[in-house]
Amino acid sequence: MFFFDVSNQQSFQNVALWLKKLINTITKSVGSHVDIPPIIVVGNKYDKLAKRRSETIEEKNREIERLYKSGKEFAEKNQIPYIEMSIKTGLNVEFALLLLSTIVFNCL
């Protein structure tokens, strides 16, 4: 699971770096013939977006949509599932774990 903070653009940009490092490490260690291990991209701290008081509802909605699109596009481009969650509120936590478990099970 690659986590990023949905309220922090820099943390999202780190996901691409982490994925590249993972692929390079696997390729150097085992070779290019090995599949990438099961991964999902998780946009965490979804609850933070709802708490911003200094922005209008339209601005919040635009930011949520932009971050969602960025995460979704990155995941689709790299053929990795994407989900947004909040560990603080519990939103989609169980679903993220079930999703990763299903992906791992299907790889066996």
C-alpha atoms as a PDB file:
ATOM      1  CA  MET A   1       0.000   0.000   0.000  1.00  0.00           C
ATOM      2  CA  PHE A   2       1.340   3.395  -0.997  1.00  0.00           C
ATOM      3  CA  PHE A   3      -0.270   6.070   1.188  1.00  0.00           C
ATOM      4  CA  PHE A   4      -0.397   9.776   0.498  1.00  0.00           C
ATOM      5  CA  ASP A   5      -2.062  12.676   2.282  1.00  0.00           C
ATOM      6  CA  VAL A   6      -4.924  13.938   0.101  1.00  0.00           C
ATOM      7  CA  SER A   7      -4.434  17.420   1.505  1.00  0.00           C
ATOM      8  CA  ASN A   8      -0.736  17.514   0.580  1.00  0.00           C
ATOM      9  CA  GLN A   9       0.263  17.583  -3.090  1.00  0.00           C
ATOM     10  CA  GLN A  10       3.925  16.803  -2.283  1.00  0.00           C
ATOM     11  CA  SER A  11       2.985  13.550  -0.562  1.00  0.00           C
ATOM     12  CA  PHE A  12       1.068  12.537  -3.700  1.00  0.00           C
ATOM     13  CA  GLN A  13       4.100  13.265  -5.865  1.00  0.00           C
ATOM     14  CA  ASN A  14       6.158  10.973  -3.631  1.00  0.00           C
ATOM     15  CA  VAL A  15       3.997   7.986  -4.643  1.00  0.00           C
ATOM     16  CA  ALA A  16       5.412   8.043  -8.183  1.00  0.00           C
ATOM     17  CA  LEU A  17       8.934   8.160  -6.772  1.00  0.00           C
ATOM     18  CA  TRP A  18       8.255   5.232  -4.425  1.00  0.00           C
ATOM     19  CA  LEU A  19       6.768   3.148  -7.238  1.00  0.00           C
ATOM     20  CA  LYS A  20       9.761   3.851  -9.470  1.00  0.00           C
ATOM     21  CA  LYS A  21      12.165   2.908  -6.660  1.00  0.00           C
ATOM     22  CA  LEU A  22      10.247  -0.311  -6.003  1.00  0.00           C
ATOM     23  CA  ILE A  23      10.338  -1.321  -9.664  1.00  0.00           C
ATOM     24  CA  ASN A  24      14.055  -0.480  -9.941  1.00  0.00           C
ATOM     25  CA  THR A  25      14.863  -2.464  -6.801  1.00  0.00           C
ATOM     26  CA  ILE A  26      12.917  -5.506  -7.993  1.00  0.00           C
ATOM     27  CA  THR A  27      14.459  -5.315 -11.453  1.00  0.00           C
ATOM     28  CA  LYS A  28      18.001  -5.071 -10.058  1.00  0.00           C
ATOM     29  CA  SER A  29      17.460  -7.819  -7.491  1.00  0.00           C
ATOM     30  CA  VAL A  30      15.421 -10.377  -9.409  1.00  0.00           C
ATOM     31  CA  GLY A  31      15.248  -9.256 -13.017  1.00  0.00           C
ATOM     32  CA  SER A  32      12.648  -7.720 -15.273  1.00  0.00           C
ATOM     33  CA  HIS A  33      10.778 -11.004 -15.748  1.00  0.00           C
ATOM     34  CA  VAL A  34       9.215 -10.774 -12.269  1.00  0.00           C
ATOM     35  CA  ASP A  35       5.817  -9.162 -11.732  1.00  0.00           C
ATOM     36  CA  ILE A  36       5.435  -6.187  -9.435  1.00  0.00           C
ATOM     37  CA  PRO A  37       4.003  -7.245  -6.063  1.00  0.00           C
ATOM     38  CA  PRO A  38       0.378  -6.381  -5.294  1.00  0.00           C
ATOM     39  CA  ILE A  39       0.043  -2.644  -4.667  1.00  0.00           C
ATOM     40  CA  ILE A  40      -2.784  -0.210  -4.088  1.00  0.00           C
ATOM     41  CA  VAL A  41      -2.538   3.566  -3.901  1.00  0.00           C
ATOM     42  CA  VAL A  42      -4.355   5.005  -0.894  1.00  0.00           C
ATOM     43  CA  GLY A  43      -5.309   8.647  -0.562  1.00  0.00           C
ATOM     44  CA  ASN A  44      -5.466   9.030   3.220  1.00  0.00           C
ATOM     45  CA  LYS A  45      -6.709  11.849   5.480  1.00  0.00           C
ATOM     46  CA  TYR A  46      -9.863  12.271   3.429  1.00  0.00           C
ATOM     47  CA  ASP A  47     -11.444  13.734   6.569  1.00  0.00           C
ATOM     48  CA  LYS A  48      -9.083  16.750   6.380  1.00  0.00           C
ATOM     49  CA  LEU A  49     -10.675  17.980   3.184  1.00  0.00           C
ATOM     50  CA  ALA A  50     -14.093  18.142   4.799  1.00  0.00           C
ATOM     51  CA  LYS A  51     -12.781  20.206   7.743  1.00  0.00           C
ATOM     52  CA  ARG A  52     -11.341  23.175   5.889  1.00  0.00           C
ATOM     53  CA  ARG A  53     -13.358  26.117   7.123  1.00  0.00           C
ATOM     54  CA  SER A  54     -11.680  28.920   5.182  1.00  0.00           C
ATOM     55  CA  GLU A  55     -12.846  27.672   1.800  1.00  0.00           C
ATOM     56  CA  THR A  56     -16.262  27.657   0.227  1.00  0.00           C
ATOM     57  CA  ILE A  57     -18.037  24.404  -0.477  1.00  0.00           C
ATOM     58  CA  GLU A  58     -17.365  24.832  -4.211  1.00  0.00           C
ATOM     59  CA  GLU A  59     -13.627  25.243  -3.579  1.00  0.00           C
ATOM     60  CA  LYS A  60     -13.592  22.137  -1.391  1.00  0.00           C
ATOM     61  CA  ASN A  61     -15.434  20.169  -4.020  1.00  0.00           C
ATOM     62  CA  ARG A  62     -13.017  21.316  -6.738  1.00  0.00           C
ATOM     63  CA  GLU A  63     -10.005  20.363  -4.626  1.00  0.00           C
ATOM     64  CA  ILE A  64     -11.474  16.978  -3.742  1.00  0.00           C
ATOM     65  CA  GLU A  65     -12.221  16.344  -7.416  1.00  0.00           C
ATOM     66  CA  ARG A  66      -8.728  17.443  -8.505  1.00  0.00           C
ATOM     67  CA  LEU A  67      -6.973  15.242  -5.955  1.00  0.00           C
ATOM     68  CA  TYR A  68      -9.256  12.325  -6.773  1.00  0.00           C
ATOM     69  CA  LYS A  69      -8.551  12.711 -10.493  1.00  0.00           C
ATOM     70  CA  SER A  70      -4.794  12.914  -9.887  1.00  0.00           C
ATOM     71  CA  GLY A  71      -4.778   9.769  -7.771  1.00  0.00           C
ATOM     72  CA  LYS A  72      -7.120   7.909 -10.092  1.00  0.00           C
ATOM     73  CA  GLU A  73      -5.172   8.873 -13.241  1.00  0.00           C
ATOM     74  CA  PHE A  74      -1.860   7.853 -11.663  1.00  0.00           C
ATOM     75  CA  ALA A  75      -3.303   4.521 -10.557  1.00  0.00           C
ATOM     76  CA  GLU A  76      -4.875   3.809 -13.956  1.00  0.00           C
ATOM     77  CA  LYS A  77      -1.683   4.759 -15.797  1.00  0.00           C
ATOM     78  CA  ASN A  78       0.271   2.319 -13.634  1.00  0.00           C
ATOM     79  CA  GLN A  79      -2.521  -0.289 -13.496  1.00  0.00           C
ATOM     80  CA  ILE A  80      -2.813  -0.023  -9.720  1.00  0.00           C
ATOM     81  CA  PRO A  81      -6.089   0.149  -7.763  1.00  0.00           C
ATOM     82  CA  TYR A  82      -6.813   3.471  -6.042  1.00  0.00           C
ATOM     83  CA  ILE A  83      -8.940   4.223  -3.001  1.00  0.00           C
ATOM     84  CA  GLU A  84      -9.449   7.186  -0.707  1.00  0.00           C
ATOM     85  CA  MET A  85      -9.836   6.649   3.002  1.00  0.00           C
ATOM     86  CA  SER A  86      -9.617   8.200   6.447  1.00  0.00           C
ATOM     87  CA  ILE A  87      -7.905   6.263   9.167  1.00  0.00           C
ATOM     88  CA  LYS A  88      -9.189   8.867  11.631  1.00  0.00           C
ATOM     89  CA  THR A  89     -12.874   8.283  10.802  1.00  0.00           C
ATOM     90  CA  GLY A  90     -12.519   4.700   9.564  1.00  0.00           C
ATOM     91  CA  LEU A  91     -13.860   5.555   6.088  1.00  0.00           C
ATOM     92  CA  ASN A  92     -12.863   2.771   3.640  1.00  0.00           C
ATOM     93  CA  VAL A  93     -10.174   1.332   5.959  1.00  0.00           C
ATOM     94  CA  GLU A  94     -11.681  -2.149   5.954  1.00  0.00           C
ATOM     95  CA  PHE A  95     -12.395  -1.930   2.233  1.00  0.00           C
ATOM     96  CA  ALA A  96      -8.757  -1.037   1.469  1.00  0.00           C
ATOM     97  CA  LEU A  97      -7.530  -4.059   3.410  1.00  0.00           C
ATOM     98  CA  LEU A  98     -10.075  -6.336   1.742  1.00  0.00           C
ATOM     99  CA  LEU A  99      -9.103  -4.983  -1.665  1.00  0.00           C
ATOM    100  CA  LEU A 100      -5.403  -5.659  -1.072  1.00  0.00           C
ATOM    101  CA  SER A 101      -6.196  -9.121   0.351  1.00  0.00           C
ATOM    102  CA  THR A 102      -8.243  -9.957  -2.736  1.00  0.00           C
ATOM    103  CA  ILE A 103      -5.468  -8.808  -5.052  1.00  0.00           C
ATOM    104  CA  VAL A 104      -2.901 -10.892  -3.160  1.00  0.00           C
ATOM    105  CA  PHE A 105      -5.218 -13.930  -3.171  1.00  0.00           C
ATOM    106  CA  ASN A 106      -5.771 -13.604  -6.928  1.00  0.00           C
ATOM    107  CA  CYS A 107      -2.004 -13.568  -7.493  1.00  0.00           C
ATOM    108  CA  LEU A 108      -1.603 -16.989  -5.852  1.00  0.00           C
END
